[in-house]
Amino acid sequence: MTEQTQSAYMFPTSVKEVERLGWDYIDIILFSGDAFIDHPASGTAMIARVLQREGWRVAVVPQPNWQDDLRDFRKLGVPRLFFGVNSGAMDSMVNHYTAAKRLRSNDAYTPGGQAGHRPDYAVTVYTRILKHLYPDVLVVIGGIEASLRRLTHYDYWADRLFPSVLVDSGADLLIYGMGERPVVAAARAIAAGDDLRGIPQTAFFSDGPCPAAGDGTIVLHGHERVCRDKDAFTEDFNVEEREANRLHASTLIEPYPGGYVQVNPPFPPETTEELDSYYALPFTRQPHPRYRGKDIPAWEMIKNSLTIHRGCFGGCSFCTIAAHQGKFIRSRSPESIVAEVERMTAMPHFKGIISDVGAPTANMYGLRGRDASRCARCSRPSCLFPSRCPNMEHSHKALLELYSRITAVPGVRKAFIGRGIRYDLFLDKDGFLDEYSEQYLREVVTRHTSGWFKVAPEHTEDHVLRLMSKPSFALFSVLRREFSRIAARERLPYRIVPYFISSHPGCTLQDMKSLSKNKELRGIQLEQVQDFTPTPMTASSVMFYTGKDLSGRPVFVERNIEGKKIQKSLFFRKNAL
């Protein structure tokens, strides 16, 4: 694709670019905390392309300056339908601060990796500015930050409960989860002058008395009550999590002084055909031409990557994936994925290496419940914990076939798996689950790793793992044995790289000492460590804030920053006490 052709397919970000297109109006203007990369892995790009397919004129304002005379918020004028706002690919506070609450020195989603190009609480800041400048224009918020802050939530950085981001920002509508269908429904309703309050997978704030609880409607304790009562906060979270994991969820009502937040049930999971249509849109797979000559670290990571499915049914307590993407797996067709690979190989920067074939969990492709009616009645947050659901399909046959089709595409030399693999999907304490399980591990080790086989046992102590909703560490021992056997047979000098988390609720200093001395970790360089960071809308964050598990039993919580540092240091054997 030539530079001129690329520009013609790229969304305008300036007045000159709008004029070059000959537009005399813009339907929708999207504001994002990230630099704009027209790639299907970018949420802003995906939403823009879906809206474009519907026939609307879409412009993007990436990383607007919120500190000057606000010219970035004024330059494109007023959209015909609405402003859309997101923080980018990450919650802005996670993007900005370490678990020790230190300001990060870089930002992978900014040209040159420079920090400081988005504000704290970006969704709230951008929305407040837009509502101040254009009080009569609708603002629709979405993306990960808005999605996970849709109801009262614990904010680690302020160390207190925050109200719904709808209340703090003044936005007119919130889209949670994967936003393609709700944003199209919202745009159509706004264009037609229809009421927005009935759109699935959206939330809004309304003045006046709360609706009554009833069939299909649940009234939560409310913001004021949970700020006074930690047990009430846990009870509300348990309801929210249960409903988030149901195929047919209830409407949630959260009372506030003078009004309420209403969260409508989500759309049904996307079909394969729907997903395929999204990924077939004409992405340039490039950063916007405005960044010419500037490196964007995030693009280097995603440019040759593939997303093969959405959702995760692992249900890890500390993870936000299910709260945002949902637990039900929605997989693309092999034909759609192969077509994307073929487009990728035609890009001038492609050198034969696909950096990642995956999804939130790399090996859940094509997996679902054998009996869909049982899934419809289920509200378990995890299909794997405390035990594997007997209704769950676990065969990796379809995934193995997909890998073969990808690597058979001319121009592909290697296809790596860069994201996490759930080994409890193909192993139990007795070994492999079926004939495809061993084949899968062998295939991944010999053909789809670059020498480091990355997995996430997260801890060694089972009482901590139970709070994390993770399997026993004994299963890692089985994995290591099988990995070592395969690597030795194939004469591969490969390493298994386990990821761990320190300072998770329930984890004491003694637990970290036990981890550092665990005999199953002998011979492994313990380099991969993450200090637990409480993020909104996770079970682990609720435990961190309340000091209790979700059943109300007290748990140890390391809140002291120095204590957290000591726990983290014990990952490294040389620092073990």
Protein backbone atom coordinates (compact mmCIF):
# COMPACT_ATOMS: atom_id res chain seq x y z
CA MET A 1 0.00 0.00 0.00
CA THR A 2 1.45 3.37 -0.98
CA GLU A 3 1.60 6.26 1.45
CA GLN A 4 -1.12 8.09 -0.48
CA THR A 5 -3.41 5.07 -0.47
CA GLN A 6 -2.75 4.49 3.21
CA SER A 7 -3.65 8.06 4.05
CA ALA A 8 -6.84 7.79 2.04
CA TYR A 9 -7.95 4.86 4.18
CA MET A 10 -6.89 6.42 7.48
CA PHE A 11 -9.28 8.30 9.77
CA PRO A 12 -8.79 12.08 9.92
CA THR A 13 -7.22 13.53 13.06
CA SER A 14 -6.91 17.19 12.01
CA VAL A 15 -8.84 19.91 10.22
CA LYS A 16 -6.59 19.60 7.17
CA GLU A 17 -7.26 15.88 6.93
CA VAL A 18 -11.01 16.46 7.21
CA GLU A 19 -10.83 19.07 4.45
CA ARG A 20 -8.78 16.72 2.29
CA LEU A 21 -11.64 14.24 2.47
CA GLY A 22 -14.10 16.92 1.39
CA TRP A 23 -16.23 16.50 4.52
CA ASP A 24 -18.49 19.35 5.59
CA TYR A 25 -19.51 17.55 8.80
CA ILE A 26 -18.39 14.74 11.10
CA ASP A 27 -20.83 12.26 12.61
CA ILE A 28 -18.71 10.94 15.47
CA ILE A 29 -15.45 12.17 17.02
CA LEU A 30 -13.50 9.64 19.10
CA PHE A 31 -11.08 10.82 21.82
CA SER A 32 -8.49 8.31 23.02
CA GLY A 33 -5.61 8.26 25.50
CA ASP A 34 -3.50 6.23 23.04
CA ALA A 35 -1.76 7.15 19.83
CA PHE A 36 -3.94 6.04 16.94
CA ILE A 37 -2.93 2.74 15.36
CA ASP A 38 -5.27 1.40 12.68
CA HIS A 39 -4.93 -2.22 13.73
CA PRO A 40 -7.64 -4.72 14.80
CA ALA A 41 -5.90 -5.11 18.17
CA SER A 42 -6.65 -1.44 18.89
CA GLY A 43 -10.07 -0.88 20.41
CA THR A 44 -10.34 2.66 19.03
CA ALA A 45 -9.52 1.48 15.52
CA MET A 46 -11.99 -1.42 15.74
CA ILE A 47 -14.82 0.88 16.87
CA ALA A 48 -13.95 3.45 14.21
CA ARG A 49 -13.96 0.83 11.44
CA VAL A 50 -17.27 -0.68 12.59
CA LEU A 51 -18.91 2.77 12.67
CA GLN A 52 -17.41 3.57 9.27
CA ARG A 53 -18.93 0.38 7.86
CA GLU A 54 -22.33 1.64 9.00
CA GLY A 55 -21.86 4.71 6.83
CA TRP A 56 -20.90 7.32 9.42
CA ARG A 57 -18.07 9.80 9.13
CA VAL A 58 -15.67 9.18 11.97
CA ALA A 59 -12.71 11.28 13.10
CA VAL A 60 -10.21 10.53 15.87
CA VAL A 61 -8.42 12.82 18.32
CA PRO A 62 -5.59 10.77 19.85
CA GLN A 63 -3.96 11.89 23.10
CA PRO A 64 -5.51 15.37 23.25
CA ASN A 65 -3.68 17.99 25.32
CA TRP A 66 -5.86 18.57 28.37
CA GLN A 67 -3.54 21.15 29.97
CA ASP A 68 -3.38 24.06 27.48
CA ASP A 69 -6.17 26.13 25.94
CA LEU A 70 -7.97 22.88 25.02
CA ARG A 71 -7.57 23.48 21.28
CA ASP A 72 -7.43 19.71 20.69
CA PHE A 73 -10.96 19.45 22.06
CA ARG A 74 -12.14 22.32 19.86
CA LYS A 75 -10.31 21.78 16.58
CA LEU A 76 -12.76 19.44 14.85
CA GLY A 77 -15.86 21.22 16.12
CA VAL A 78 -19.11 19.52 17.07
CA PRO A 79 -20.03 16.05 15.77
CA ARG A 80 -23.49 15.48 14.33
CA LEU A 81 -24.15 12.50 16.63
CA PHE A 82 -21.79 12.23 19.62
CA PHE A 83 -18.31 12.35 21.13
CA GLY A 84 -16.81 8.96 22.03
CA VAL A 85 -14.22 8.76 24.82
CA ASN A 86 -11.86 6.04 26.01
CA SER A 87 -8.63 5.99 28.03
CA GLY A 88 -6.84 3.75 25.54
CA ALA A 89 -5.89 0.08 25.80
CA MET A 90 -5.27 0.31 29.57
CA ASP A 91 -6.84 1.92 32.59
CA SER A 92 -4.96 5.21 32.80
CA MET A 93 -3.95 4.64 36.43
CA VAL A 94 -2.47 1.22 35.65
CA ASN A 95 -0.74 2.84 32.69
CA HIS A 96 0.72 5.59 34.88
CA TYR A 97 1.70 3.94 38.17
CA THR A 98 3.49 0.87 39.47
CA ALA A 99 2.12 -1.32 42.26
CA ALA A 100 4.32 0.77 44.57
CA LYS A 101 2.41 3.84 43.32
CA ARG A 102 5.50 5.23 41.62
CA LEU A 103 5.03 7.15 38.39
CA ARG A 104 6.15 5.12 35.38
CA SER A 105 8.84 6.66 33.17
CA ASN A 106 7.42 5.41 29.86
CA ASP A 107 4.19 4.75 27.99
CA ALA A 108 4.18 2.06 25.31
CA TYR A 109 1.12 3.58 23.60
CA THR A 110 2.78 6.95 22.95
CA PRO A 111 5.27 7.84 20.18
CA GLY A 112 8.79 7.39 21.46
CA GLY A 113 7.42 5.66 24.56
CA GLN A 114 7.15 9.04 26.28
CA ALA A 115 5.12 9.29 29.47
CA GLY A 116 2.83 12.17 30.38
CA HIS A 117 0.62 12.37 27.30
CA ARG A 118 -2.62 11.41 29.03
CA PRO A 119 -4.10 12.47 32.38
CA ASP A 120 -4.88 10.38 35.42
CA TYR A 121 -8.47 9.12 35.18
CA ALA A 122 -8.43 9.97 31.49
CA VAL A 123 -12.08 9.09 30.77
CA THR A 124 -13.31 11.43 33.49
CA VAL A 125 -10.96 14.28 32.52
CA TYR A 126 -11.72 14.13 28.78
CA THR A 127 -15.47 13.86 29.37
CA ARG A 128 -15.61 16.75 31.82
CA ILE A 129 -13.79 18.97 29.32
CA LEU A 130 -16.16 18.02 26.49
CA LYS A 131 -19.26 18.52 28.65
CA HIS A 132 -17.92 21.92 29.73
CA LEU A 133 -17.23 23.04 26.17
CA TYR A 134 -20.29 21.44 24.58
CA PRO A 135 -22.89 20.81 27.31
CA ASP A 136 -25.61 19.90 24.80
CA VAL A 137 -23.58 17.31 22.86
CA LEU A 138 -23.83 13.66 23.89
CA VAL A 139 -20.71 11.96 25.26
CA VAL A 140 -20.50 8.17 25.11
CA ILE A 141 -17.69 6.55 27.12
CA GLY A 142 -16.26 3.06 26.70
CA GLY A 143 -13.12 0.96 26.69
CA ILE A 144 -11.43 -0.79 29.60
CA GLU A 145 -11.38 2.14 32.04
CA ALA A 146 -15.06 2.97 31.67
CA SER A 147 -16.06 -0.69 31.52
CA LEU A 148 -14.41 -1.66 34.82
CA ARG A 149 -15.53 1.51 36.60
CA ARG A 150 -19.21 1.28 35.63
CA LEU A 151 -20.34 0.81 39.23
CA THR A 152 -18.89 1.71 42.62
CA HIS A 153 -15.35 0.36 42.70
CA TYR A 154 -12.21 0.37 44.81
CA ASP A 155 -9.51 2.71 43.51
CA TYR A 156 -6.11 1.58 44.74
CA TRP A 157 -4.37 4.85 43.97
CA ALA A 158 -6.77 6.96 46.07
CA ASP A 159 -7.32 4.05 48.51
CA ARG A 160 -11.06 4.53 48.67
CA LEU A 161 -14.28 3.65 46.90
CA PHE A 162 -15.14 5.70 43.83
CA PRO A 163 -18.63 6.11 42.43
CA SER A 164 -19.50 4.97 38.93
CA VAL A 165 -17.46 6.81 36.32
CA LEU A 166 -20.81 7.99 34.96
CA VAL A 167 -21.25 10.04 38.13
CA ASP A 168 -17.70 11.41 38.21
CA SER A 169 -17.50 12.24 34.49
CA GLY A 170 -21.02 13.39 33.64
CA ALA A 171 -21.11 11.17 30.53
CA ASP A 172 -24.48 10.49 28.93
CA LEU A 173 -23.95 6.81 28.18
CA LEU A 174 -21.42 4.13 29.10
CA ILE A 175 -20.67 1.11 26.91
CA TYR A 176 -19.09 -1.79 28.74
CA GLY A 177 -17.32 -4.83 27.36
CA MET A 178 -16.54 -5.31 23.67
CA GLY A 179 -18.29 -2.35 22.16
CA GLU A 180 -19.03 -3.03 18.49
CA ARG A 181 -22.72 -3.86 18.78
CA PRO A 182 -23.69 -1.39 21.52
CA VAL A 183 -21.89 1.53 19.84
CA VAL A 184 -23.68 0.85 16.55
CA ALA A 185 -27.00 0.57 18.40
CA ALA A 186 -26.27 3.85 20.21
CA ALA A 187 -25.33 5.66 17.00
CA ARG A 188 -28.51 4.47 15.31
CA ALA A 189 -30.66 5.52 18.26
CA ILE A 190 -29.02 8.95 18.46
CA ALA A 191 -29.43 9.48 14.71
CA ALA A 192 -33.11 8.53 14.96
CA GLY A 193 -33.75 10.56 18.12
CA ASP A 194 -34.71 7.42 20.05
CA ASP A 195 -34.34 6.75 23.77
CA LEU A 196 -30.90 5.38 24.65
CA ARG A 197 -31.90 3.72 27.91
CA GLY A 198 -32.95 0.39 26.49
CA ILE A 199 -29.73 -0.42 24.64
CA PRO A 200 -28.14 -3.67 25.86
CA GLN A 201 -24.59 -3.57 27.26
CA THR A 202 -24.84 0.07 28.28
CA ALA A 203 -25.18 1.98 31.53
CA PHE A 204 -26.50 5.44 32.34
CA PHE A 205 -27.20 7.74 35.28
CA SER A 206 -30.75 8.90 35.85
CA ASP A 207 -32.19 11.47 38.24
CA GLY A 208 -35.11 10.56 40.43
CA PRO A 209 -36.20 7.55 42.47
CA CYS A 210 -34.81 4.10 41.79
CA PRO A 211 -36.89 1.51 39.98
CA ALA A 212 -38.10 -1.29 42.23
CA ALA A 213 -36.46 -4.68 42.26
CA GLY A 214 -38.41 -7.28 40.39
CA ASP A 215 -38.29 -9.89 37.68
CA GLY A 216 -35.06 -9.26 35.82
CA THR A 217 -34.05 -6.24 37.93
CA ILE A 218 -31.73 -6.25 40.96
CA VAL A 219 -31.27 -3.22 43.22
CA LEU A 220 -27.83 -3.10 44.84
CA HIS A 221 -27.10 -1.64 48.27
CA GLY A 222 -25.99 1.60 46.66
CA HIS A 223 -22.96 3.87 46.77
CA GLU A 224 -23.58 5.54 50.13
CA ARG A 225 -24.24 2.24 51.90
CA VAL A 226 -21.16 0.41 50.58
CA CYS A 227 -18.91 3.37 51.46
CA ARG A 228 -20.01 2.88 55.08
CA ASP A 229 -20.13 -0.90 55.11
CA LYS A 230 -17.38 -3.07 53.59
CA ASP A 231 -19.50 -6.20 53.92
CA ALA A 232 -22.20 -4.53 51.82
CA PHE A 233 -19.55 -3.71 49.21
CA THR A 234 -18.59 -7.39 49.05
CA GLU A 235 -22.25 -8.41 48.77
CA ASP A 236 -22.77 -6.01 45.86
CA PHE A 237 -19.65 -7.29 44.14
CA ASN A 238 -20.83 -10.90 44.47
CA VAL A 239 -24.06 -9.94 42.73
CA GLU A 240 -22.21 -8.02 40.00
CA GLU A 241 -19.82 -10.91 39.37
CA ARG A 242 -22.61 -13.46 39.29
CA GLU A 243 -24.59 -11.44 36.77
CA ALA A 244 -21.50 -10.71 34.66
CA ASN A 245 -20.99 -14.46 34.29
CA ARG A 246 -24.54 -15.33 33.31
CA LEU A 247 -25.63 -15.75 29.74
CA HIS A 248 -28.93 -14.08 30.56
CA ALA A 249 -28.13 -11.39 33.11
CA SER A 250 -30.38 -9.10 35.12
CA THR A 251 -30.55 -5.32 35.01
CA LEU A 252 -28.53 -3.83 37.87
CA ILE A 253 -29.61 -0.65 39.68
CA GLU A 254 -27.17 1.18 41.95
CA PRO A 255 -28.77 3.94 44.07
CA TYR A 256 -27.12 7.34 44.53
CA PRO A 257 -28.30 10.48 46.28
CA GLY A 258 -30.87 11.97 43.93
CA GLY A 259 -30.67 9.23 41.31
CA TYR A 260 -29.30 5.89 40.23
CA VAL A 261 -26.98 4.14 37.80
CA GLN A 262 -28.60 1.48 35.64
CA VAL A 263 -26.54 -1.25 33.97
CA ASN A 264 -28.44 -3.05 31.23
CA PRO A 265 -27.75 -6.73 30.47
CA PRO A 266 -25.22 -7.40 27.70
CA PHE A 267 -25.84 -8.46 24.14
CA PRO A 268 -25.57 -12.21 23.53
CA PRO A 269 -22.02 -13.35 22.73
CA GLU A 270 -20.91 -12.49 19.21
CA THR A 271 -21.29 -15.20 16.60
CA THR A 272 -18.33 -16.44 14.59
CA GLU A 273 -19.78 -14.65 11.56
CA GLU A 274 -19.94 -11.36 13.45
CA LEU A 275 -16.36 -11.66 14.66
CA ASP A 276 -15.18 -12.54 11.18
CA SER A 277 -16.87 -9.45 9.76
CA TYR A 278 -15.07 -7.19 12.25
CA TYR A 279 -11.63 -8.55 11.43
CA ALA A 280 -12.31 -8.34 7.69
CA LEU A 281 -12.63 -4.55 7.85
CA PRO A 282 -10.01 -2.55 5.88
CA PHE A 283 -7.45 -1.89 8.62
CA THR A 284 -4.20 -0.48 7.34
CA ARG A 285 -2.43 -2.20 10.28
CA GLN A 286 -0.27 0.91 10.57
CA PRO A 287 0.09 3.90 12.89
CA HIS A 288 -1.52 7.06 11.59
CA PRO A 289 0.70 8.95 9.10
CA ARG A 290 0.96 11.82 11.63
CA TYR A 291 3.49 9.65 13.50
CA ARG A 292 5.77 9.18 10.49
CA GLY A 293 9.34 8.60 11.69
CA LYS A 294 8.31 7.95 15.29
CA ASP A 295 8.33 4.55 16.94
CA ILE A 296 5.33 3.49 19.00
CA PRO A 297 6.39 0.57 21.24
CA ALA A 298 2.87 -0.90 21.41
CA TRP A 299 2.69 -1.12 17.64
CA GLU A 300 5.96 -3.02 17.54
CA MET A 301 4.34 -5.54 19.88
CA ILE A 302 1.02 -5.94 18.05
CA LYS A 303 1.77 -5.29 14.38
CA ASN A 304 2.36 -8.96 13.53
CA SER A 305 -0.04 -10.45 16.08
CA LEU A 306 -3.34 -12.29 15.63
CA THR A 307 -6.41 -12.35 17.86
CA ILE A 308 -8.15 -15.68 17.32
CA HIS A 309 -10.92 -15.47 19.92
CA ARG A 310 -12.42 -13.34 22.69
CA GLY A 311 -13.32 -14.05 26.29
CA CYS A 312 -11.85 -16.18 29.07
CA PHE A 313 -13.49 -18.69 31.40
CA GLY A 314 -10.47 -19.04 33.69
CA GLY A 315 -11.96 -16.75 36.33
CA CYS A 316 -8.70 -15.70 38.00
CA SER A 317 -9.56 -13.47 40.96
CA PHE A 318 -7.06 -10.76 40.04
CA CYS A 319 -7.89 -10.56 36.34
CA THR A 320 -10.16 -8.08 34.58
CA ILE A 321 -10.56 -9.98 31.30
CA ALA A 322 -13.84 -11.73 32.07
CA ALA A 323 -15.31 -8.54 33.57
CA HIS A 324 -14.59 -6.76 30.27
CA GLN A 325 -14.64 -9.39 27.52
CA GLY A 326 -16.94 -11.93 29.22
CA LYS A 327 -16.28 -15.56 30.10
CA PHE A 328 -17.94 -17.12 27.03
CA ILE A 329 -15.46 -17.90 24.27
CA ARG A 330 -16.24 -16.45 20.84
CA SER A 331 -13.92 -17.81 18.16
CA ARG A 332 -13.16 -16.63 14.66
CA SER A 333 -13.33 -19.08 11.78
CA PRO A 334 -10.06 -20.56 10.47
CA GLU A 335 -10.84 -18.94 7.10
CA SER A 336 -11.05 -15.48 8.70
CA ILE A 337 -7.78 -15.98 10.56
CA VAL A 338 -5.94 -17.30 7.50
CA ALA A 339 -7.22 -14.34 5.45
CA GLU A 340 -5.76 -11.97 8.05
CA VAL A 341 -2.45 -13.83 7.94
CA GLU A 342 -2.39 -13.41 4.16
CA ARG A 343 -2.98 -9.68 4.53
CA MET A 344 -0.23 -9.55 7.14
CA THR A 345 2.29 -11.26 4.88
CA ALA A 346 1.66 -8.60 2.24
CA MET A 347 2.74 -5.80 4.59
CA PRO A 348 6.18 -4.34 3.83
CA HIS A 349 7.33 -4.72 7.44
CA PHE A 350 6.49 -8.43 7.67
CA LYS A 351 9.60 -10.64 7.81
CA GLY A 352 7.97 -14.03 8.17
CA ILE A 353 7.42 -14.02 11.94
CA ILE A 354 3.98 -13.85 13.56
CA SER A 355 4.70 -12.62 17.07
CA ASP A 356 1.56 -13.95 18.73
CA VAL A 357 -1.30 -16.26 17.82
CA GLY A 358 -3.59 -15.87 20.76
CA ALA A 359 -6.20 -14.18 22.84
CA PRO A 360 -6.56 -13.41 26.55
CA THR A 361 -5.79 -17.07 27.14
CA ALA A 362 -4.00 -18.55 24.16
CA ASN A 363 -5.50 -22.05 24.22
CA MET A 364 -9.24 -21.51 24.66
CA TYR A 365 -9.93 -21.34 20.93
CA GLY A 366 -13.13 -23.12 19.98
CA LEU A 367 -13.89 -24.27 23.53
CA ARG A 368 -17.42 -24.20 24.89
CA GLY A 369 -19.89 -26.17 26.93
CA ARG A 370 -21.01 -29.45 25.43
CA ASP A 371 -24.58 -28.74 26.54
CA ALA A 372 -25.38 -25.08 25.87
CA SER A 373 -28.49 -25.22 28.05
CA ARG A 374 -26.34 -25.98 31.10
CA CYS A 375 -24.13 -22.99 30.30
CA ALA A 376 -27.23 -20.78 30.11
CA ARG A 377 -28.13 -21.73 33.69
CA CYS A 378 -24.60 -21.36 35.07
CA SER A 379 -23.15 -18.34 36.89
CA ARG A 380 -19.76 -19.77 37.94
CA PRO A 381 -17.01 -17.19 37.37
CA SER A 382 -14.64 -20.00 36.38
CA CYS A 383 -15.10 -23.17 34.37
CA LEU A 384 -11.77 -24.44 35.74
CA PHE A 385 -11.84 -23.58 39.45
CA PRO A 386 -12.31 -25.12 41.97
CA SER A 387 -12.52 -27.99 39.50
CA ARG A 388 -12.88 -28.38 35.75
CA CYS A 389 -16.55 -28.25 34.73
CA PRO A 390 -17.57 -31.69 33.39
CA ASN A 391 -19.66 -29.96 30.73
CA MET A 392 -16.68 -28.10 29.29
CA GLU A 393 -15.08 -29.12 26.02
CA HIS A 394 -11.30 -29.26 26.39
CA SER A 395 -10.07 -30.80 23.15
CA HIS A 396 -7.26 -28.86 21.44
CA LYS A 397 -7.88 -30.55 18.08
CA ALA A 398 -9.33 -27.42 16.43
CA LEU A 399 -6.47 -25.28 17.72
CA LEU A 400 -3.85 -27.69 16.39
CA GLU A 401 -5.53 -27.63 12.99
CA LEU A 402 -5.56 -23.83 13.09
CA TYR A 403 -1.81 -23.67 13.83
CA SER A 404 -1.17 -25.93 10.83
CA ARG A 405 -3.21 -23.72 8.54
CA ILE A 406 -1.47 -20.57 9.74
CA THR A 407 2.05 -21.92 9.28
CA ALA A 408 1.12 -23.25 5.82
CA VAL A 409 0.47 -19.73 4.51
CA PRO A 410 3.26 -18.74 2.08
CA GLY A 411 5.60 -16.22 3.65
CA VAL A 412 5.11 -17.44 7.24
CA ARG A 413 8.30 -18.86 8.72
CA LYS A 414 7.28 -18.95 12.39
CA ALA A 415 4.10 -18.35 14.38
CA PHE A 416 4.80 -17.79 18.07
CA ILE A 417 2.39 -17.88 20.99
CA GLY A 418 3.12 -14.82 23.07
CA ARG A 419 0.30 -14.93 25.60
CA GLY A 420 -0.50 -17.17 28.52
CA ILE A 421 -1.44 -20.83 28.21
CA ARG A 422 -3.75 -22.53 30.73
CA TYR A 423 -2.09 -25.87 31.32
CA ASP A 424 -5.04 -27.08 33.40
CA LEU A 425 -6.90 -27.27 30.08
CA PHE A 426 -4.77 -30.21 28.93
CA LEU A 427 -3.29 -31.63 32.15
CA ASP A 428 -4.48 -32.95 35.47
CA LYS A 429 -2.60 -34.61 38.33
CA ASP A 430 -2.50 -37.88 36.37
CA GLY A 431 -1.10 -36.35 33.17
CA PHE A 432 -2.59 -35.49 29.78
CA LEU A 433 -6.36 -35.38 29.41
CA ASP A 434 -6.59 -36.88 25.92
CA GLU A 435 -4.57 -37.65 22.78
CA TYR A 436 -4.63 -34.05 21.61
CA SER A 437 -3.32 -32.72 24.93
CA GLU A 438 0.13 -34.24 24.57
CA GLN A 439 0.20 -33.33 20.91
CA TYR A 440 -0.66 -29.73 21.80
CA LEU A 441 2.13 -29.34 24.33
CA ARG A 442 4.64 -30.94 21.99
CA GLU A 443 3.52 -28.69 19.12
CA VAL A 444 3.77 -25.53 21.21
CA VAL A 445 7.16 -26.39 22.68
CA THR A 446 8.78 -27.49 19.41
CA ARG A 447 7.22 -25.07 16.92
CA HIS A 448 5.63 -22.06 18.61
CA THR A 449 8.05 -20.85 21.27
CA SER A 450 11.26 -18.94 20.85
CA GLY A 451 13.03 -20.83 23.62
CA TRP A 452 11.05 -19.57 26.61
CA PHE A 453 7.87 -21.44 27.45
CA LYS A 454 5.81 -18.99 29.52
CA VAL A 455 3.18 -20.16 31.99
CA ALA A 456 1.58 -18.65 35.08
CA PRO A 457 1.25 -20.83 38.17
CA GLU A 458 1.13 -17.48 40.08
CA HIS A 459 2.15 -19.01 43.44
CA THR A 460 3.29 -22.21 45.14
CA GLU A 461 1.12 -22.12 48.28
CA ASP A 462 -2.27 -23.67 47.77
CA HIS A 463 -4.15 -21.48 50.24
CA VAL A 464 -3.01 -18.40 48.28
CA LEU A 465 -3.86 -20.11 45.00
CA ARG A 466 -7.39 -20.81 46.23
CA LEU A 467 -7.89 -17.08 46.84
CA MET A 468 -6.53 -16.46 43.33
CA SER A 469 -8.93 -19.09 41.91
CA LYS A 470 -5.95 -20.94 40.45
CA PRO A 471 -5.18 -24.70 40.44
CA SER A 472 -2.83 -26.36 42.91
CA PHE A 473 0.89 -25.87 42.34
CA ALA A 474 1.19 -29.64 42.07
CA LEU A 475 -0.12 -29.30 38.53
CA PHE A 476 2.88 -27.14 37.61
CA SER A 477 5.11 -30.02 38.66
CA VAL A 478 3.31 -32.26 36.17
CA LEU A 479 3.74 -29.63 33.46
CA ARG A 480 7.43 -29.17 34.16
CA ARG A 481 8.01 -32.91 33.97
CA GLU A 482 6.26 -33.22 30.60
CA PHE A 483 7.93 -30.08 29.24
CA SER A 484 11.38 -31.35 30.24
CA ARG A 485 10.68 -34.74 28.68
CA ILE A 486 9.65 -33.17 25.36
CA ALA A 487 12.55 -30.70 25.32
CA ALA A 488 15.08 -33.48 26.07
CA ARG A 489 13.64 -35.80 23.42
CA GLU A 490 13.77 -33.03 20.80
CA ARG A 491 17.21 -31.86 22.05
CA LEU A 492 15.96 -28.33 22.58
CA PRO A 493 17.74 -26.10 25.12
CA TYR A 494 14.46 -24.46 26.05
CA ARG A 495 13.48 -23.01 29.41
CA ILE A 496 10.16 -23.01 31.21
CA VAL A 497 9.43 -19.53 32.56
CA PRO A 498 6.85 -19.37 35.37
CA TYR A 499 5.11 -16.13 36.27
CA PHE A 500 4.28 -15.36 39.89
CA ILE A 501 2.43 -12.70 41.86
CA SER A 502 3.57 -11.29 45.17
CA SER A 503 1.47 -9.53 47.84
CA HIS A 504 -1.83 -10.98 46.69
CA PRO A 505 -4.45 -11.02 49.48
CA GLY A 506 -3.75 -14.01 51.70
CA CYS A 507 -0.04 -14.04 50.87
CA THR A 508 2.27 -13.49 53.84
CA LEU A 509 6.02 -13.03 54.01
CA GLN A 510 6.29 -16.65 55.14
CA ASP A 511 4.37 -17.72 52.03
CA MET A 512 6.93 -15.91 49.87
CA LYS A 513 9.78 -17.59 51.77
CA SER A 514 8.14 -20.92 51.05
CA LEU A 515 7.86 -20.02 47.37
CA SER A 516 11.53 -19.04 47.18
CA LYS A 517 12.58 -22.38 48.65
CA ASN A 518 10.16 -24.61 46.74
CA LYS A 519 12.08 -27.62 45.43
CA GLU A 520 10.04 -27.70 42.20
CA LEU A 521 11.59 -24.36 41.23
CA ARG A 522 15.20 -25.56 41.47
CA GLY A 523 17.04 -24.89 38.26
CA ILE A 524 14.59 -22.20 37.18
CA GLN A 525 15.65 -18.58 36.93
CA LEU A 526 12.90 -16.71 38.76
CA GLU A 527 12.79 -13.58 36.65
CA GLN A 528 9.10 -13.10 36.04
CA VAL A 529 7.33 -11.35 38.90
CA GLN A 530 4.41 -9.02 39.28
CA ASP A 531 3.61 -7.20 42.47
CA PHE A 532 -0.15 -7.42 42.92
CA THR A 533 -1.98 -4.26 41.82
CA PRO A 534 -5.65 -4.00 42.83
CA THR A 535 -7.61 -2.99 39.75
CA PRO A 536 -11.30 -2.10 39.61
CA MET A 537 -13.96 -4.82 39.39
CA THR A 538 -11.87 -7.79 40.45
CA ALA A 539 -12.43 -10.18 43.35
CA SER A 540 -8.83 -9.69 44.50
CA SER A 541 -9.33 -5.92 44.77
CA VAL A 542 -12.42 -6.46 46.90
CA MET A 543 -10.38 -8.72 49.21
CA PHE A 544 -7.57 -6.15 49.34
CA TYR A 545 -9.98 -3.35 50.31
CA THR A 546 -12.10 -5.29 52.79
CA GLY A 547 -9.50 -7.61 54.31
CA LYS A 548 -11.92 -10.50 53.82
CA ASP A 549 -12.52 -13.12 51.16
CA LEU A 550 -15.78 -13.10 49.24
CA SER A 551 -17.38 -15.31 51.89
CA GLY A 552 -16.53 -12.84 54.64
CA ARG A 553 -13.61 -14.71 56.20
CA PRO A 554 -10.62 -12.52 57.25
CA VAL A 555 -7.53 -12.70 55.03
CA PHE A 556 -4.09 -11.21 55.46
CA VAL A 557 -3.46 -8.18 53.24
CA GLU A 558 -0.03 -6.62 52.77
CA ARG A 559 -0.77 -2.91 52.43
CA ASN A 560 2.63 -1.49 53.36
CA ILE A 561 4.71 -0.52 50.31
CA GLU A 562 7.94 -1.66 51.98
CA GLY A 563 6.31 -4.95 52.90
CA LYS A 564 5.27 -5.40 49.27
CA LYS A 565 8.87 -4.74 48.15
CA ILE A 566 10.19 -7.40 50.50
CA GLN A 567 7.66 -9.95 49.25
CA LYS A 568 8.64 -9.25 45.67
CA SER A 569 12.34 -9.56 46.43
CA LEU A 570 11.81 -13.13 47.59
CA PHE A 571 11.09 -14.24 44.04
CA PHE A 572 14.77 -13.99 43.44
CA ARG A 573 16.67 -16.75 45.17
CA LYS A 574 19.67 -14.60 45.85
CA ASN A 575 17.47 -12.35 47.99
CA ALA A 576 15.61 -15.14 49.77
CA LEU A 577 15.48 -14.85 53.56
